[in-house]
Amino acid sequence: MTPSIWKELRLVESFDVDPKGRLKPHKLFSFMINSAWNHASALGLGYQELSEHNLMWVISKFQLNIIRMPEWRDKISIETWGKSIERFYALRDFSVFSEEGRKLAYASGGWLILEKDSYRPQKLDQLMANFPWQKEKSELETNLKKVAESTKSEDRIHFHVVFTDIDINNHVNGAKYLQWIMDSYPRDVLEQMQPESIEMSFLAEAAIDDEIAVHFERLANQEINTVRRVIDSKDLCRAAVKWHI
């Protein structure tokens, strides 16, 4: 029987870490998303099962709080569970622990099931009628509001979408947006500081060969990073980042 709370073990490898031996934020995000993918698959709601009905999962919102970033050779455990349905969104929470049981990070996210051709969101009540929701277990209150639009941002770095940026659903993997955002920061910031919280809204898709710009705006208590398609100035992803030393 598939557990309602899914648990996975991970070893932080050399290719997962930055030059200071700390797990890269986009890798931590990838670990969490992969655990959600595996749990959904085990419950009969994975990529293969949805594809048979021309449907797919799409992440819309993700909130990540980091207490201490795992490091090279750390053994970590990731727990994830479905929390509830809110309108068209399936809400899911996460906890990350050290080998000794110390909490390292926690997160919450909202997913949609879309029809592949029309991108029309599907009602989840029937599709997920037998899902083992854990309505009383909440790691973080899920906020489905979009990250605020940047109004006075500076253009910091450009990328081109290449074949290896595209995932099985034929769009840019969500973790890639976070990687682009982290890569837009100066080296001294990345060496001296670590993200305390990252709140991301996924707004539209990037396609292969698109030119992407990452824009930056510093507000009073956070920084707004916007991944924007250059040709039409379309916001694809926004992330509010807070840092600690």
C-alpha atoms as a PDB file:
ATOM      1  CA  MET A   1       0.000   0.000   0.000  1.00  0.00           C
ATOM      2  CA  THR A   2       1.393   3.414  -0.962  1.00  0.00           C
ATOM      3  CA  PRO A   3       2.011   5.577   2.124  1.00  0.00           C
ATOM      4  CA  SER A   4       0.100   8.816   2.479  1.00  0.00           C
ATOM      5  CA  ILE A   5       3.347  10.496   3.575  1.00  0.00           C
ATOM      6  CA  TRP A   6       6.056   9.686   1.034  1.00  0.00           C
ATOM      7  CA  LYS A   7       9.665   9.456   2.222  1.00  0.00           C
ATOM      8  CA  GLU A   8      12.851   9.402   0.154  1.00  0.00           C
ATOM      9  CA  LEU A   9      16.529   9.316   1.096  1.00  0.00           C
ATOM     10  CA  ARG A  10      19.113  11.353  -0.820  1.00  0.00           C
ATOM     11  CA  LEU A  11      22.882  11.547  -0.737  1.00  0.00           C
ATOM     12  CA  VAL A  12      24.195  15.004  -1.638  1.00  0.00           C
ATOM     13  CA  GLU A  13      26.731  14.321  -4.377  1.00  0.00           C
ATOM     14  CA  SER A  14      29.663  16.423  -5.576  1.00  0.00           C
ATOM     15  CA  PHE A  15      27.764  17.582  -8.682  1.00  0.00           C
ATOM     16  CA  ASP A  16      24.878  18.840  -6.491  1.00  0.00           C
ATOM     17  CA  VAL A  17      26.906  21.420  -4.572  1.00  0.00           C
ATOM     18  CA  ASP A  18      28.455  24.843  -5.123  1.00  0.00           C
ATOM     19  CA  PRO A  19      32.194  25.633  -4.724  1.00  0.00           C
ATOM     20  CA  LYS A  20      31.695  25.935  -0.955  1.00  0.00           C
ATOM     21  CA  GLY A  21      30.177  22.472  -0.722  1.00  0.00           C
ATOM     22  CA  ARG A  22      26.591  23.629  -0.137  1.00  0.00           C
ATOM     23  CA  LEU A  23      23.653  22.109  -1.968  1.00  0.00           C
ATOM     24  CA  LYS A  24      22.581  24.400  -4.798  1.00  0.00           C
ATOM     25  CA  PRO A  25      19.074  25.849  -4.248  1.00  0.00           C
ATOM     26  CA  HIS A  26      17.783  24.607  -7.592  1.00  0.00           C
ATOM     27  CA  LYS A  27      19.011  21.106  -6.740  1.00  0.00           C
ATOM     28  CA  LEU A  28      17.106  21.132  -3.441  1.00  0.00           C
ATOM     29  CA  PHE A  29      14.040  22.256  -5.358  1.00  0.00           C
ATOM     30  CA  SER A  30      14.593  19.427  -7.865  1.00  0.00           C
ATOM     31  CA  PHE A  31      14.857  16.854  -5.062  1.00  0.00           C
ATOM     32  CA  MET A  32      11.510  17.991  -3.656  1.00  0.00           C
ATOM     33  CA  ILE A  33       9.755  18.055  -7.019  1.00  0.00           C
ATOM     34  CA  ASN A  34      11.093  14.602  -7.852  1.00  0.00           C
ATOM     35  CA  SER A  35       9.737  13.205  -4.582  1.00  0.00           C
ATOM     36  CA  ALA A  36       6.303  14.651  -5.405  1.00  0.00           C
ATOM     37  CA  TRP A  37       6.542  13.106  -8.879  1.00  0.00           C
ATOM     38  CA  ASN A  38       7.389   9.709  -7.393  1.00  0.00           C
ATOM     39  CA  HIS A  39       4.570   9.875  -4.852  1.00  0.00           C
ATOM     40  CA  ALA A  40       2.004  10.783  -7.513  1.00  0.00           C
ATOM     41  CA  SER A  41       3.235   7.933  -9.712  1.00  0.00           C
ATOM     42  CA  ALA A  42       2.968   5.432  -6.860  1.00  0.00           C
ATOM     43  CA  LEU A  43      -0.634   6.568  -6.326  1.00  0.00           C
ATOM     44  CA  GLY A  44      -1.558   6.109  -9.999  1.00  0.00           C
ATOM     45  CA  LEU A  45      -1.489   9.819 -10.853  1.00  0.00           C
ATOM     46  CA  GLY A  46       1.936  10.082 -12.453  1.00  0.00           C
ATOM     47  CA  TYR A  47       3.128  11.116 -15.887  1.00  0.00           C
ATOM     48  CA  GLN A  48       2.171   7.863 -17.615  1.00  0.00           C
ATOM     49  CA  GLU A  49      -1.311   7.660 -16.131  1.00  0.00           C
ATOM     50  CA  LEU A  50      -2.156  11.279 -16.922  1.00  0.00           C
ATOM     51  CA  SER A  51      -0.655  11.072 -20.417  1.00  0.00           C
ATOM     52  CA  GLU A  52      -3.081   8.301 -21.286  1.00  0.00           C
ATOM     53  CA  HIS A  53      -5.829  10.907 -20.847  1.00  0.00           C
ATOM     54  CA  ASN A  54      -3.845  13.697 -22.543  1.00  0.00           C
ATOM     55  CA  LEU A  55      -3.289  15.419 -19.192  1.00  0.00           C
ATOM     56  CA  MET A  56      -0.216  16.648 -17.332  1.00  0.00           C
ATOM     57  CA  TRP A  57       0.830  18.088 -13.980  1.00  0.00           C
ATOM     58  CA  VAL A  58       2.038  21.715 -13.980  1.00  0.00           C
ATOM     59  CA  ILE A  59       3.459  23.542 -10.977  1.00  0.00           C
ATOM     60  CA  SER A  60       2.004  26.999 -10.408  1.00  0.00           C
ATOM     61  CA  LYS A  61       3.374  28.180  -7.054  1.00  0.00           C
ATOM     62  CA  PHE A  62       6.153  27.076  -4.709  1.00  0.00           C
ATOM     63  CA  GLN A  63       7.325  28.396  -1.347  1.00  0.00           C
ATOM     64  CA  LEU A  64      10.603  27.154   0.118  1.00  0.00           C
ATOM     65  CA  ASN A  65      12.043  28.011   3.544  1.00  0.00           C
ATOM     66  CA  ILE A  66      15.623  26.967   4.282  1.00  0.00           C
ATOM     67  CA  ILE A  67      16.874  26.563   7.855  1.00  0.00           C
ATOM     68  CA  ARG A  68      20.262  25.089   6.967  1.00  0.00           C
ATOM     69  CA  MET A  69      21.355  24.107   3.487  1.00  0.00           C
ATOM     70  CA  PRO A  70      22.543  20.488   3.216  1.00  0.00           C
ATOM     71  CA  GLU A  71      26.192  19.998   2.265  1.00  0.00           C
ATOM     72  CA  TRP A  72      28.331  17.598   0.266  1.00  0.00           C
ATOM     73  CA  ARG A  73      28.060  13.983   1.447  1.00  0.00           C
ATOM     74  CA  ASP A  74      25.083  14.737   3.690  1.00  0.00           C
ATOM     75  CA  LYS A  75      22.400  12.084   3.787  1.00  0.00           C
ATOM     76  CA  ILE A  76      19.007  13.753   3.839  1.00  0.00           C
ATOM     77  CA  SER A  77      15.429  12.529   3.937  1.00  0.00           C
ATOM     78  CA  ILE A  78      12.561  14.215   2.113  1.00  0.00           C
ATOM     79  CA  GLU A  79       8.960  13.804   3.203  1.00  0.00           C
ATOM     80  CA  THR A  80       6.010  14.949   1.120  1.00  0.00           C
ATOM     81  CA  TRP A  81       2.247  14.608   1.280  1.00  0.00           C
ATOM     82  CA  GLY A  82      -0.861  15.916  -0.408  1.00  0.00           C
ATOM     83  CA  LYS A  83      -2.557  18.467   1.821  1.00  0.00           C
ATOM     84  CA  SER A  84      -5.813  19.438   0.143  1.00  0.00           C
ATOM     85  CA  ILE A  85      -7.593  20.724  -2.953  1.00  0.00           C
ATOM     86  CA  GLU A  86      -8.193  24.444  -3.328  1.00  0.00           C
ATOM     87  CA  ARG A  87     -10.211  25.317  -6.409  1.00  0.00           C
ATOM     88  CA  PHE A  88      -8.205  23.803  -9.317  1.00  0.00           C
ATOM     89  CA  TYR A  89      -5.030  23.408  -7.238  1.00  0.00           C
ATOM     90  CA  ALA A  90      -3.623  20.334  -5.551  1.00  0.00           C
ATOM     91  CA  LEU A  91      -1.656  21.502  -2.514  1.00  0.00           C
ATOM     92  CA  ARG A  92       1.391  19.554  -1.339  1.00  0.00           C
ATOM     93  CA  ASP A  93       3.856  20.113   1.514  1.00  0.00           C
ATOM     94  CA  PHE A  94       7.442  18.997   2.106  1.00  0.00           C
ATOM     95  CA  SER A  95       9.930  18.560   4.950  1.00  0.00           C
ATOM     96  CA  VAL A  96      13.666  17.902   4.623  1.00  0.00           C
ATOM     97  CA  PHE A  97      15.655  16.371   7.483  1.00  0.00           C
ATOM     98  CA  SER A  98      19.285  15.593   8.212  1.00  0.00           C
ATOM     99  CA  GLU A  99      20.421  12.047   8.946  1.00  0.00           C
ATOM    100  CA  GLU A 100      20.180  12.930  12.646  1.00  0.00           C
ATOM    101  CA  GLY A 101      16.567  14.087  12.273  1.00  0.00           C
ATOM    102  CA  ARG A 102      17.198  17.843  12.296  1.00  0.00           C
ATOM    103  CA  LYS A 103      14.822  19.803  10.083  1.00  0.00           C
ATOM    104  CA  LEU A 104      16.751  21.541   7.295  1.00  0.00           C
ATOM    105  CA  ALA A 105      14.025  22.952   5.042  1.00  0.00           C
ATOM    106  CA  TYR A 106      10.288  22.942   4.468  1.00  0.00           C
ATOM    107  CA  ALA A 107       8.060  23.922   1.591  1.00  0.00           C
ATOM    108  CA  SER A 108       4.587  24.070   0.112  1.00  0.00           C
ATOM    109  CA  GLY A 109       3.364  24.152  -3.450  1.00  0.00           C
ATOM    110  CA  GLY A 110       0.312  24.251  -5.669  1.00  0.00           C
ATOM    111  CA  TRP A 111      -0.129  22.132  -8.829  1.00  0.00           C
ATOM    112  CA  LEU A 112      -2.648  22.083 -11.644  1.00  0.00           C
ATOM    113  CA  ILE A 113      -3.651  19.227 -13.920  1.00  0.00           C
ATOM    114  CA  LEU A 114      -3.942  20.624 -17.446  1.00  0.00           C
ATOM    115  CA  GLU A 115      -5.229  19.224 -20.712  1.00  0.00           C
ATOM    116  CA  LYS A 116      -2.118  19.059 -22.895  1.00  0.00           C
ATOM    117  CA  ASP A 117      -3.559  20.622 -26.043  1.00  0.00           C
ATOM    118  CA  SER A 118      -5.774  23.371 -24.635  1.00  0.00           C
ATOM    119  CA  TYR A 119      -3.960  23.916 -21.310  1.00  0.00           C
ATOM    120  CA  ARG A 120      -7.396  23.944 -19.718  1.00  0.00           C
ATOM    121  CA  PRO A 121      -7.239  23.219 -15.955  1.00  0.00           C
ATOM    122  CA  GLN A 122      -9.112  20.133 -14.822  1.00  0.00           C
ATOM    123  CA  LYS A 123     -11.387  19.753 -11.829  1.00  0.00           C
ATOM    124  CA  LEU A 124      -9.596  17.589  -9.281  1.00  0.00           C
ATOM    125  CA  ASP A 125     -12.443  16.269  -7.144  1.00  0.00           C
ATOM    126  CA  GLN A 126     -13.078  13.235  -9.342  1.00  0.00           C
ATOM    127  CA  LEU A 127      -9.546  12.770 -10.687  1.00  0.00           C
ATOM    128  CA  MET A 128      -8.173  12.638  -7.138  1.00  0.00           C
ATOM    129  CA  ALA A 129     -11.167  11.207  -5.315  1.00  0.00           C
ATOM    130  CA  ASN A 130      -9.112   8.431  -3.703  1.00  0.00           C
ATOM    131  CA  PHE A 131      -6.028  10.507  -2.923  1.00  0.00           C
ATOM    132  CA  PRO A 132      -4.901  10.176   0.730  1.00  0.00           C
ATOM    133  CA  TRP A 133      -5.122  13.852   1.685  1.00  0.00           C
ATOM    134  CA  GLN A 134      -3.510  14.857   4.976  1.00  0.00           C
ATOM    135  CA  LYS A 135      -5.680  17.862   5.747  1.00  0.00           C
ATOM    136  CA  GLU A 136      -4.501  18.188   9.342  1.00  0.00           C
ATOM    137  CA  LYS A 137      -0.794  18.104   8.453  1.00  0.00           C
ATOM    138  CA  SER A 138       0.463  21.475   7.227  1.00  0.00           C
ATOM    139  CA  GLU A 139       4.138  22.392   7.093  1.00  0.00           C
ATOM    140  CA  LEU A 140       3.514  25.857   5.676  1.00  0.00           C
ATOM    141  CA  GLU A 141       0.379  27.774   4.782  1.00  0.00           C
ATOM    142  CA  THR A 142       0.162  27.635   1.006  1.00  0.00           C
ATOM    143  CA  ASN A 143      -0.114  31.047  -0.604  1.00  0.00           C
ATOM    144  CA  LEU A 144      -1.430  30.816  -4.163  1.00  0.00           C
ATOM    145  CA  LYS A 145      -1.153  34.540  -4.872  1.00  0.00           C
ATOM    146  CA  LYS A 146       1.283  35.458  -7.604  1.00  0.00           C
ATOM    147  CA  VAL A 147       4.588  36.995  -6.614  1.00  0.00           C
ATOM    148  CA  ALA A 148       4.272  40.747  -7.089  1.00  0.00           C
ATOM    149  CA  GLU A 149       5.120  42.143 -10.503  1.00  0.00           C
ATOM    150  CA  SER A 150       8.361  44.088 -10.654  1.00  0.00           C
ATOM    151  CA  THR A 151       7.952  47.728 -11.685  1.00  0.00           C
ATOM    152  CA  LYS A 152      11.495  49.154 -11.570  1.00  0.00           C
ATOM    153  CA  SER A 153      13.700  46.190 -12.338  1.00  0.00           C
ATOM    154  CA  GLU A 154      17.150  46.064 -13.874  1.00  0.00           C
ATOM    155  CA  ASP A 155      18.076  43.603 -16.619  1.00  0.00           C
ATOM    156  CA  ARG A 156      20.923  41.501 -15.152  1.00  0.00           C
ATOM    157  CA  ILE A 157      21.650  38.482 -17.334  1.00  0.00           C
ATOM    158  CA  HIS A 158      20.460  36.735 -20.525  1.00  0.00           C
ATOM    159  CA  PHE A 159      20.167  33.060 -21.457  1.00  0.00           C
ATOM    160  CA  HIS A 160      19.008  31.070 -24.467  1.00  0.00           C
ATOM    161  CA  VAL A 161      16.788  28.032 -23.940  1.00  0.00           C
ATOM    162  CA  VAL A 162      18.571  24.940 -25.229  1.00  0.00           C
ATOM    163  CA  PHE A 163      17.509  21.332 -25.706  1.00  0.00           C
ATOM    164  CA  THR A 164      18.773  20.173 -22.297  1.00  0.00           C
ATOM    165  CA  ASP A 165      16.580  22.765 -20.551  1.00  0.00           C
ATOM    166  CA  ILE A 166      13.420  21.000 -21.799  1.00  0.00           C
ATOM    167  CA  ASP A 167      11.742  18.297 -19.688  1.00  0.00           C
ATOM    168  CA  ILE A 168       9.455  15.356 -20.431  1.00  0.00           C
ATOM    169  CA  ASN A 169       6.455  17.703 -20.786  1.00  0.00           C
ATOM    170  CA  ASN A 170       8.356  19.602 -23.495  1.00  0.00           C
ATOM    171  CA  HIS A 171       8.770  22.786 -21.479  1.00  0.00           C
ATOM    172  CA  VAL A 172      11.513  24.291 -19.331  1.00  0.00           C
ATOM    173  CA  ASN A 173      11.868  22.437 -16.068  1.00  0.00           C
ATOM    174  CA  GLY A 174      10.806  24.506 -13.051  1.00  0.00           C
ATOM    175  CA  ALA A 175      14.192  24.117 -11.368  1.00  0.00           C
ATOM    176  CA  LYS A 176      15.866  25.722 -14.381  1.00  0.00           C
ATOM    177  CA  TYR A 177      14.143  29.027 -13.652  1.00  0.00           C
ATOM    178  CA  LEU A 178      15.581  28.994 -10.148  1.00  0.00           C
ATOM    179  CA  GLN A 179      19.020  28.138 -11.528  1.00  0.00           C
ATOM    180  CA  TRP A 180      18.826  31.106 -13.916  1.00  0.00           C
ATOM    181  CA  ILE A 181      17.805  33.376 -11.033  1.00  0.00           C
ATOM    182  CA  MET A 182      20.672  32.221  -8.811  1.00  0.00           C
ATOM    183  CA  ASP A 183      23.111  32.593 -11.713  1.00  0.00           C
ATOM    184  CA  SER A 184      22.048  36.234 -12.111  1.00  0.00           C
ATOM    185  CA  TYR A 185      23.481  37.151  -8.701  1.00  0.00           C
ATOM    186  CA  PRO A 186      27.089  38.356  -8.263  1.00  0.00           C
ATOM    187  CA  ARG A 187      29.565  35.739  -7.077  1.00  0.00           C
ATOM    188  CA  ASP A 188      30.248  37.505  -3.770  1.00  0.00           C
ATOM    189  CA  VAL A 189      26.550  37.352  -2.840  1.00  0.00           C
ATOM    190  CA  LEU A 190      26.361  33.641  -3.606  1.00  0.00           C
ATOM    191  CA  GLU A 191      29.573  32.900  -1.688  1.00  0.00           C
ATOM    192  CA  GLN A 192      28.745  34.899   1.422  1.00  0.00           C
ATOM    193  CA  MET A 193      24.996  34.385   1.758  1.00  0.00           C
ATOM    194  CA  GLN A 194      22.337  31.707   1.526  1.00  0.00           C
ATOM    195  CA  PRO A 195      18.645  32.015   0.659  1.00  0.00           C
ATOM    196  CA  GLU A 196      16.396  32.036   3.700  1.00  0.00           C
ATOM    197  CA  SER A 197      13.187  31.811   1.682  1.00  0.00           C
ATOM    198  CA  ILE A 198      12.254  31.574  -1.979  1.00  0.00           C
ATOM    199  CA  GLU A 199       8.709  32.112  -3.202  1.00  0.00           C
ATOM    200  CA  MET A 200       8.112  31.337  -6.871  1.00  0.00           C
ATOM    201  CA  SER A 201       5.199  31.856  -9.260  1.00  0.00           C
ATOM    202  CA  PHE A 202       5.273  30.018 -12.579  1.00  0.00           C
ATOM    203  CA  LEU A 203       3.331  32.082 -15.099  1.00  0.00           C
ATOM    204  CA  ALA A 204       4.065  30.923 -18.657  1.00  0.00           C
ATOM    205  CA  GLU A 205       6.286  28.586 -20.652  1.00  0.00           C
ATOM    206  CA  ALA A 206       9.630  29.121 -22.290  1.00  0.00           C
ATOM    207  CA  ALA A 207      10.298  27.282 -25.554  1.00  0.00           C
ATOM    208  CA  ILE A 208      13.511  26.094 -27.121  1.00  0.00           C
ATOM    209  CA  ASP A 209      15.603  28.911 -28.671  1.00  0.00           C
ATOM    210  CA  ASP A 210      13.804  31.601 -26.649  1.00  0.00           C
ATOM    211  CA  GLU A 211      16.037  34.373 -25.334  1.00  0.00           C
ATOM    212  CA  ILE A 212      15.465  34.849 -21.612  1.00  0.00           C
ATOM    213  CA  ALA A 213      16.354  37.823 -19.420  1.00  0.00           C
ATOM    214  CA  VAL A 214      16.448  37.815 -15.623  1.00  0.00           C
ATOM    215  CA  HIS A 215      15.374  41.142 -14.118  1.00  0.00           C
ATOM    216  CA  PHE A 216      16.045  42.217 -10.536  1.00  0.00           C
ATOM    217  CA  GLU A 217      14.435  44.664  -8.114  1.00  0.00           C
ATOM    218  CA  ARG A 218      15.356  45.151  -4.442  1.00  0.00           C
ATOM    219  CA  LEU A 219      12.466  45.970  -2.125  1.00  0.00           C
ATOM    220  CA  ALA A 220      12.497  46.679   1.601  1.00  0.00           C
ATOM    221  CA  ASN A 221      12.624  43.108   2.883  1.00  0.00           C
ATOM    222  CA  GLN A 222      13.084  40.967  -0.226  1.00  0.00           C
ATOM    223  CA  GLU A 223      14.257  40.898  -3.819  1.00  0.00           C
ATOM    224  CA  ILE A 224      11.988  40.286  -6.792  1.00  0.00           C
ATOM    225  CA  ASN A 225      13.563  38.337  -9.639  1.00  0.00           C
ATOM    226  CA  THR A 226      11.656  38.069 -12.905  1.00  0.00           C
ATOM    227  CA  VAL A 227      12.439  35.600 -15.668  1.00  0.00           C
ATOM    228  CA  ARG A 228      11.178  37.315 -18.803  1.00  0.00           C
ATOM    229  CA  ARG A 229      11.025  36.300 -22.470  1.00  0.00           C
ATOM    230  CA  VAL A 230      12.842  38.991 -24.434  1.00  0.00           C
ATOM    231  CA  ILE A 231      10.889  38.950 -27.701  1.00  0.00           C
ATOM    232  CA  ASP A 232       7.532  39.868 -26.116  1.00  0.00           C
ATOM    233  CA  SER A 233       8.526  40.929 -22.552  1.00  0.00           C
ATOM    234  CA  LYS A 234       6.334  38.146 -21.150  1.00  0.00           C
ATOM    235  CA  ASP A 235       6.935  37.279 -17.487  1.00  0.00           C
ATOM    236  CA  LEU A 236       7.505  33.516 -17.270  1.00  0.00           C
ATOM    237  CA  CYS A 237       8.434  33.201 -13.625  1.00  0.00           C
ATOM    238  CA  ARG A 238       8.762  35.525 -10.633  1.00  0.00           C
ATOM    239  CA  ALA A 239      10.654  34.759  -7.448  1.00  0.00           C
ATOM    240  CA  ALA A 240      10.789  36.683  -4.182  1.00  0.00           C
ATOM    241  CA  VAL A 241      14.071  35.887  -2.427  1.00  0.00           C
ATOM    242  CA  LYS A 242      15.163  36.673   1.125  1.00  0.00           C
ATOM    243  CA  TRP A 243      18.767  36.060   2.217  1.00  0.00           C
ATOM    244  CA  HIS A 244      20.647  35.358   5.420  1.00  0.00           C
ATOM    245  CA  ILE A 245      24.393  35.380   6.024  1.00  0.00           C
END
